[in-house]
Amino acid sequence: MEAVVGAIRQNHSVTEQQMTQAMMANQADLEVQAALAALRAAMNGTEPPKVAVEAEAAKLKTSRRTGKSRRKG
């Protein structure tokens, strides 16, 4: 997680103290909470909730035949 946070800090040219202050100031924000939860989940090797739900929905989706049905005999 340190490597990811370090890369984010470097890309946005902010210090660790600035990141900590921003997270503390906005910790009540639902988007910040969701982003931190997704980051922690990704660091643990699990898919984000939205991706997991979409993958499950794709598995459950049944394919429909279009065109004439095939008859044997």
PDB file of N, CA and C in Angstrom:
ATOM      1  N   MET A   1       0.832  -1.189   0.000  1.00  0.00           N
ATOM      2  CA  MET A   1       0.000   0.000   0.000  1.00  0.00           C
ATOM      3  C   MET A   1       0.875   1.250   0.000  1.00  0.00           C
ATOM      4  N   GLU A   2       2.003   1.161   0.661  1.00  0.00           N
ATOM      5  CA  GLU A   2       2.916   2.304   0.699  1.00  0.00           C
ATOM      6  C   GLU A   2       3.398   2.673  -0.698  1.00  0.00           C
ATOM      7  N   ALA A   3       3.666   1.676  -1.525  1.00  0.00           N
ATOM      8  CA  ALA A   3       4.134   1.946  -2.884  1.00  0.00           C
ATOM      9  C   ALA A   3       3.065   2.655  -3.703  1.00  0.00           C
ATOM     10  N   VAL A   4       1.826   2.231  -3.548  1.00  0.00           N
ATOM     11  CA  VAL A   4       0.727   2.845  -4.293  1.00  0.00           C
ATOM     12  C   VAL A   4       0.518   4.287  -3.844  1.00  0.00           C
ATOM     13  N   VAL A   5       0.487   4.494  -2.533  1.00  0.00           N
ATOM     14  CA  VAL A   5       0.312   5.850  -2.001  1.00  0.00           C
ATOM     15  C   VAL A   5       1.490   6.729  -2.411  1.00  0.00           C
ATOM     16  N   GLY A   6       2.682   6.176  -2.397  1.00  0.00           N
ATOM     17  CA  GLY A   6       3.861   6.929  -2.834  1.00  0.00           C
ATOM     18  C   GLY A   6       3.765   7.332  -4.292  1.00  0.00           C
ATOM     19  N   ALA A   7       3.276   6.431  -5.130  1.00  0.00           N
ATOM     20  CA  ALA A   7       3.109   6.745  -6.550  1.00  0.00           C
ATOM     21  C   ALA A   7       2.052   7.826  -6.750  1.00  0.00           C
ATOM     22  N   ILE A   8       0.976   7.758  -5.991  1.00  0.00           N
ATOM     23  CA  ILE A   8      -0.077   8.783  -6.087  1.00  0.00           C
ATOM     24  C   ILE A   8       0.488  10.143  -5.666  1.00  0.00           C
ATOM     25  N   ARG A   9       1.238  10.154  -4.564  1.00  0.00           N
ATOM     26  CA  ARG A   9       1.839  11.414  -4.098  1.00  0.00           C
ATOM     27  C   ARG A   9       2.779  11.991  -5.144  1.00  0.00           C
ATOM     28  N   GLN A  10       3.575  11.130  -5.755  1.00  0.00           N
ATOM     29  CA  GLN A  10       4.533  11.596  -6.755  1.00  0.00           C
ATOM     30  C   GLN A  10       3.817  12.127  -7.996  1.00  0.00           C
ATOM     31  N   ASN A  11       2.787  11.430  -8.455  1.00  0.00           N
ATOM     32  CA  ASN A  11       2.051  11.863  -9.645  1.00  0.00           C
ATOM     33  C   ASN A  11       1.347  13.199  -9.451  1.00  0.00           C
ATOM     34  N   HIS A  12       0.908  13.468  -8.214  1.00  0.00           N
ATOM     35  CA  HIS A  12       0.153  14.692  -7.951  1.00  0.00           C
ATOM     36  C   HIS A  12       0.977  15.743  -7.206  1.00  0.00           C
ATOM     37  N   SER A  13       2.255  15.469  -7.005  1.00  0.00           N
ATOM     38  CA  SER A  13       3.189  16.399  -6.361  1.00  0.00           C
ATOM     39  C   SER A  13       2.682  16.890  -5.005  1.00  0.00           C
ATOM     40  N   VAL A  14       2.310  15.956  -4.140  1.00  0.00           N
ATOM     41  CA  VAL A  14       1.883  16.292  -2.785  1.00  0.00           C
ATOM     42  C   VAL A  14       2.733  15.520  -1.787  1.00  0.00           C
ATOM     43  N   THR A  15       2.804  16.041  -0.578  1.00  0.00           N
ATOM     44  CA  THR A  15       3.578  15.386   0.469  1.00  0.00           C
ATOM     45  C   THR A  15       2.682  14.417   1.237  1.00  0.00           C
ATOM     46  N   GLU A  16       3.321  13.576   2.030  1.00  0.00           N
ATOM     47  CA  GLU A  16       2.570  12.624   2.846  1.00  0.00           C
ATOM     48  C   GLU A  16       1.683  13.369   3.844  1.00  0.00           C
ATOM     49  N   GLN A  17       2.193  14.463   4.377  1.00  0.00           N
ATOM     50  CA  GLN A  17       1.428  15.259   5.326  1.00  0.00           C
ATOM     51  C   GLN A  17       0.187  15.857   4.661  1.00  0.00           C
ATOM     52  N   GLN A  18       0.313  16.340   3.431  1.00  0.00           N
ATOM     53  CA  GLN A  18      -0.836  16.888   2.710  1.00  0.00           C
ATOM     54  C   GLN A  18      -1.890  15.820   2.447  1.00  0.00           C
ATOM     55  N   MET A  19      -1.425  14.615   2.082  1.00  0.00           N
ATOM     56  CA  MET A  19      -2.358  13.511   1.842  1.00  0.00           C
ATOM     57  C   MET A  19      -3.103  13.160   3.128  1.00  0.00           C
ATOM     58  N   THR A  20      -2.377  13.061   4.223  1.00  0.00           N
ATOM     59  CA  THR A  20      -2.986  12.717   5.501  1.00  0.00           C
ATOM     60  C   THR A  20      -3.994  13.781   5.911  1.00  0.00           C
ATOM     61  N   GLN A  21      -3.646  15.045   5.769  1.00  0.00           N
ATOM     62  CA  GLN A  21      -4.558  16.128   6.119  1.00  0.00           C
ATOM     63  C   GLN A  21      -5.820  16.089   5.259  1.00  0.00           C
ATOM     64  N   ALA A  22      -5.657  15.837   3.973  1.00  0.00           N
ATOM     65  CA  ALA A  22      -6.811  15.786   3.075  1.00  0.00           C
ATOM     66  C   ALA A  22      -7.735  14.622   3.440  1.00  0.00           C
ATOM     67  N   MET A  23      -7.156  13.462   3.749  1.00  0.00           N
ATOM     68  CA  MET A  23      -7.982  12.310   4.120  1.00  0.00           C
ATOM     69  C   MET A  23      -8.696  12.550   5.442  1.00  0.00           C
ATOM     70  N   MET A  24      -8.012  13.171   6.392  1.00  0.00           N
ATOM     71  CA  MET A  24      -8.627  13.446   7.692  1.00  0.00           C
ATOM     72  C   MET A  24      -9.732  14.497   7.555  1.00  0.00           C
ATOM     73  N   ALA A  25      -9.501  15.512   6.749  1.00  0.00           N
ATOM     74  CA  ALA A  25     -10.483  16.578   6.582  1.00  0.00           C
ATOM     75  C   ALA A  25     -11.730  16.086   5.858  1.00  0.00           C
ATOM     76  N   ASN A  26     -11.567  15.089   4.997  1.00  0.00           N
ATOM     77  CA  ASN A  26     -12.684  14.606   4.182  1.00  0.00           C
ATOM     78  C   ASN A  26     -13.134  13.195   4.549  1.00  0.00           C
ATOM     79  N   GLN A  27     -12.778  12.717   5.721  1.00  0.00           N
ATOM     80  CA  GLN A  27     -13.099  11.344   6.083  1.00  0.00           C
ATOM     81  C   GLN A  27     -14.594  11.094   6.231  1.00  0.00           C
ATOM     82  N   ALA A  28     -15.400  12.127   6.409  1.00  0.00           N
ATOM     83  CA  ALA A  28     -16.851  11.950   6.517  1.00  0.00           C
ATOM     84  C   ALA A  28     -17.502  11.826   5.137  1.00  0.00           C
ATOM     85  N   ASP A  29     -16.771  12.197   4.091  1.00  0.00           N
ATOM     86  CA  ASP A  29     -17.297  12.142   2.725  1.00  0.00           C
ATOM     87  C   ASP A  29     -17.433  10.687   2.286  1.00  0.00           C
ATOM     88  N   LEU A  30     -18.608  10.329   1.790  1.00  0.00           N
ATOM     89  CA  LEU A  30     -18.865   8.940   1.374  1.00  0.00           C
ATOM     90  C   LEU A  30     -17.966   8.509   0.218  1.00  0.00           C
ATOM     91  N   GLU A  31     -17.659   9.418  -0.692  1.00  0.00           N
ATOM     92  CA  GLU A  31     -16.792   9.069  -1.820  1.00  0.00           C
ATOM     93  C   GLU A  31     -15.371   8.755  -1.342  1.00  0.00           C
ATOM     94  N   VAL A  32     -14.902   9.519  -0.362  1.00  0.00           N
ATOM     95  CA  VAL A  32     -13.569   9.267   0.189  1.00  0.00           C
ATOM     96  C   VAL A  32     -13.556   7.922   0.902  1.00  0.00           C
ATOM     97  N   GLN A  33     -14.589   7.633   1.671  1.00  0.00           N
ATOM     98  CA  GLN A  33     -14.673   6.355   2.366  1.00  0.00           C
ATOM     99  C   GLN A  33     -14.688   5.197   1.369  1.00  0.00           C
ATOM    100  N   ALA A  34     -15.455   5.345   0.300  1.00  0.00           N
ATOM    101  CA  ALA A  34     -15.531   4.294  -0.713  1.00  0.00           C
ATOM    102  C   ALA A  34     -14.189   4.119  -1.421  1.00  0.00           C
ATOM    103  N   ALA A  35     -13.520   5.225  -1.706  1.00  0.00           N
ATOM    104  CA  ALA A  35     -12.225   5.153  -2.388  1.00  0.00           C
ATOM    105  C   ALA A  35     -11.185   4.469  -1.509  1.00  0.00           C
ATOM    106  N   LEU A  36     -11.173   4.800  -0.223  1.00  0.00           N
ATOM    107  CA  LEU A  36     -10.216   4.164   0.685  1.00  0.00           C
ATOM    108  C   LEU A  36     -10.524   2.679   0.865  1.00  0.00           C
ATOM    109  N   ALA A  37     -11.803   2.334   0.927  1.00  0.00           N
ATOM    110  CA  ALA A  37     -12.178   0.924   1.049  1.00  0.00           C
ATOM    111  C   ALA A  37     -11.762   0.153  -0.208  1.00  0.00           C
ATOM    112  N   ALA A  38     -11.961   0.759  -1.370  1.00  0.00           N
ATOM    113  CA  ALA A  38     -11.565   0.108  -2.625  1.00  0.00           C
ATOM    114  C   ALA A  38     -10.052  -0.053  -2.699  1.00  0.00           C
ATOM    115  N   LEU A  39      -9.317   0.959  -2.218  1.00  0.00           N
ATOM    116  CA  LEU A  39      -7.855   0.869  -2.213  1.00  0.00           C
ATOM    117  C   LEU A  39      -7.384  -0.247  -1.292  1.00  0.00           C
ATOM    118  N   ARG A  40      -7.982  -0.335  -0.112  1.00  0.00           N
ATOM    119  CA  ARG A  40      -7.609  -1.407   0.815  1.00  0.00           C
ATOM    120  C   ARG A  40      -7.946  -2.777   0.233  1.00  0.00           C
ATOM    121  N   ALA A  41      -9.108  -2.890  -0.402  1.00  0.00           N
ATOM    122  CA  ALA A  41      -9.511  -4.163  -1.001  1.00  0.00           C
ATOM    123  C   ALA A  41      -8.549  -4.550  -2.122  1.00  0.00           C
ATOM    124  N   ALA A  42      -8.163  -3.581  -2.930  1.00  0.00           N
ATOM    125  CA  ALA A  42      -7.233  -3.855  -4.028  1.00  0.00           C
ATOM    126  C   ALA A  42      -5.873  -4.293  -3.499  1.00  0.00           C
ATOM    127  N   MET A  43      -5.457  -3.698  -2.407  1.00  0.00           N
ATOM    128  CA  MET A  43      -4.179  -4.073  -1.811  1.00  0.00           C
ATOM    129  C   MET A  43      -4.230  -5.490  -1.240  1.00  0.00           C
ATOM    130  N   ASN A  44      -5.423  -5.947  -0.866  1.00  0.00           N
ATOM    131  CA  ASN A  44      -5.591  -7.308  -0.355  1.00  0.00           C
ATOM    132  C   ASN A  44      -5.833  -8.318  -1.472  1.00  0.00           C
ATOM    133  N   GLY A  45      -5.903  -7.847  -2.716  1.00  0.00           N
ATOM    134  CA  GLY A  45      -6.064  -8.737  -3.851  1.00  0.00           C
ATOM    135  C   GLY A  45      -7.498  -9.067  -4.207  1.00  0.00           C
ATOM    136  N   THR A  46      -8.468  -8.329  -3.693  1.00  0.00           N
ATOM    137  CA  THR A  46      -9.863  -8.564  -4.042  1.00  0.00           C
ATOM    138  C   THR A  46     -10.326  -7.526  -5.043  1.00  0.00           C
ATOM    139  N   GLU A  47     -11.326  -7.891  -5.831  1.00  0.00           N
ATOM    140  CA  GLU A  47     -11.870  -6.963  -6.815  1.00  0.00           C
ATOM    141  C   GLU A  47     -12.746  -5.924  -6.128  1.00  0.00           C
ATOM    142  N   PRO A  48     -12.793  -4.721  -6.677  1.00  0.00           N
ATOM    143  CA  PRO A  48     -13.710  -3.721  -6.140  1.00  0.00           C
ATOM    144  C   PRO A  48     -15.152  -4.222  -6.241  1.00  0.00           C
ATOM    145  N   PRO A  49     -16.036  -3.777  -5.346  1.00  0.00           N
ATOM    146  CA  PRO A  49     -17.415  -4.279  -5.323  1.00  0.00           C
ATOM    147  C   PRO A  49     -18.140  -4.150  -6.664  1.00  0.00           C
ATOM    148  N   LYS A  50     -17.988  -3.045  -7.362  1.00  0.00           N
ATOM    149  CA  LYS A  50     -18.692  -2.841  -8.629  1.00  0.00           C
ATOM    150  C   LYS A  50     -18.244  -3.863  -9.673  1.00  0.00           C
ATOM    151  N   VAL A  51     -16.960  -4.111  -9.735  1.00  0.00           N
ATOM    152  CA  VAL A  51     -16.423  -5.078 -10.697  1.00  0.00           C
ATOM    153  C   VAL A  51     -16.915  -6.482 -10.362  1.00  0.00           C
ATOM    154  N   ALA A  52     -16.931  -6.819  -9.080  1.00  0.00           N
ATOM    155  CA  ALA A  52     -17.376  -8.144  -8.662  1.00  0.00           C
ATOM    156  C   ALA A  52     -18.852  -8.353  -8.990  1.00  0.00           C
ATOM    157  N   VAL A  53     -19.667  -7.327  -8.779  1.00  0.00           N
ATOM    158  CA  VAL A  53     -21.103  -7.425  -9.079  1.00  0.00           C
ATOM    159  C   VAL A  53     -21.319  -7.584 -10.576  1.00  0.00           C
ATOM    160  N   GLU A  54     -20.586  -6.817 -11.374  1.00  0.00           N
ATOM    161  CA  GLU A  54     -20.724  -6.916 -12.828  1.00  0.00           C
ATOM    162  C   GLU A  54     -20.275  -8.291 -13.332  1.00  0.00           C
ATOM    163  N   ALA A  55     -19.225  -8.835 -12.758  1.00  0.00           N
ATOM    164  CA  ALA A  55     -18.746 -10.153 -13.171  1.00  0.00           C
ATOM    165  C   ALA A  55     -19.770 -11.229 -12.831  1.00  0.00           C
ATOM    166  N   GLU A  56     -20.386 -11.118 -11.656  1.00  0.00           N
ATOM    167  CA  GLU A  56     -21.408 -12.077 -11.251  1.00  0.00           C
ATOM    168  C   GLU A  56     -22.628 -11.969 -12.153  1.00  0.00           C
ATOM    169  N   ALA A  57     -23.013 -10.752 -12.509  1.00  0.00           N
ATOM    170  CA  ALA A  57     -24.168 -10.548 -13.389  1.00  0.00           C
ATOM    171  C   ALA A  57     -23.896 -11.134 -14.773  1.00  0.00           C
ATOM    172  N   ALA A  58     -22.666 -11.019 -15.246  1.00  0.00           N
ATOM    173  CA  ALA A  58     -22.320 -11.572 -16.555  1.00  0.00           C
ATOM    174  C   ALA A  58     -22.398 -13.093 -16.537  1.00  0.00           C
ATOM    175  N   LYS A  59     -22.048 -13.708 -15.417  1.00  0.00           N
ATOM    176  CA  LYS A  59     -22.130 -15.163 -15.311  1.00  0.00           C
ATOM    177  C   LYS A  59     -23.585 -15.637 -15.327  1.00  0.00           C
ATOM    178  N   LEU A  60     -24.441 -14.867 -14.686  1.00  0.00           N
ATOM    179  CA  LEU A  60     -25.843 -15.272 -14.575  1.00  0.00           C
ATOM    180  C   LEU A  60     -26.657 -14.972 -15.823  1.00  0.00           C
ATOM    181  N   LYS A  61     -26.145 -14.117 -16.666  1.00  0.00           N
ATOM    182  CA  LYS A  61     -26.860 -13.726 -17.874  1.00  0.00           C
ATOM    183  C   LYS A  61     -26.943 -14.915 -18.829  1.00  0.00           C
ATOM    184  N   THR A  62     -28.136 -15.214 -19.275  1.00  0.00           N
ATOM    185  CA  THR A  62     -28.311 -16.325 -20.208  1.00  0.00           C
ATOM    186  C   THR A  62     -28.308 -15.790 -21.628  1.00  0.00           C
ATOM    187  N   SER A  63     -27.791 -16.580 -22.532  1.00  0.00           N
ATOM    188  CA  SER A  63     -27.770 -16.157 -23.919  1.00  0.00           C
ATOM    189  C   SER A  63     -29.089 -16.525 -24.589  1.00  0.00           C
ATOM    190  N   ARG A  64     -29.521 -15.665 -25.460  1.00  0.00           N
ATOM    191  CA  ARG A  64     -30.768 -15.897 -26.186  1.00  0.00           C
ATOM    192  C   ARG A  64     -30.432 -16.265 -27.615  1.00  0.00           C
ATOM    193  N   ARG A  65     -31.178 -17.188 -28.120  1.00  0.00           N
ATOM    194  CA  ARG A  65     -30.999 -17.546 -29.520  1.00  0.00           C
ATOM    195  C   ARG A  65     -31.811 -16.595 -30.383  1.00  0.00           C
ATOM    196  N   THR A  66     -31.207 -16.184 -31.436  1.00  0.00           N
ATOM    197  CA  THR A  66     -31.943 -15.361 -32.385  1.00  0.00           C
ATOM    198  C   THR A  66     -32.008 -16.121 -33.701  1.00  0.00           C
ATOM    199  N   GLY A  67     -33.052 -15.943 -34.414  1.00  0.00           N
ATOM    200  CA  GLY A  67     -33.227 -16.647 -35.674  1.00  0.00           C
ATOM    201  C   GLY A  67     -34.050 -17.910 -35.482  1.00  0.00           C
ATOM    202  N   LYS A  68     -34.041 -18.728 -36.504  1.00  0.00           N
ATOM    203  CA  LYS A  68     -34.836 -19.956 -36.474  1.00  0.00           C
ATOM    204  C   LYS A  68     -34.228 -20.975 -35.521  1.00  0.00           C
ATOM    205  N   SER A  69     -35.089 -21.677 -34.839  1.00  0.00           N
ATOM    206  CA  SER A  69     -34.583 -22.744 -33.985  1.00  0.00           C
ATOM    207  C   SER A  69     -34.236 -23.947 -34.842  1.00  0.00           C
ATOM    208  N   ARG A  70     -33.315 -24.716 -34.389  1.00  0.00           N
ATOM    209  CA  ARG A  70     -32.889 -25.899 -35.151  1.00  0.00           C
ATOM    210  C   ARG A  70     -33.711 -27.103 -34.719  1.00  0.00           C
ATOM    211  N   ARG A  71     -34.167 -27.839 -35.708  1.00  0.00           N
ATOM    212  CA  ARG A  71     -34.924 -29.048 -35.419  1.00  0.00           C
ATOM    213  C   ARG A  71     -34.166 -30.233 -35.971  1.00  0.00           C
ATOM    214  N   LYS A  72     -34.145 -31.270 -35.190  1.00  0.00           N
ATOM    215  CA  LYS A  72     -33.494 -32.500 -35.664  1.00  0.00           C
ATOM    216  C   LYS A  72     -34.580 -33.450 -36.148  1.00  0.00           C
ATOM    217  N   GLY A  73     -34.281 -34.103 -37.205  1.00  0.00           N
ATOM    218  CA  GLY A  73     -35.158 -35.173 -37.657  1.00  0.00           C
ATOM    219  C   GLY A  73     -35.990 -34.900 -38.785  1.00  0.00           C
TER     220      GLY A  73
END
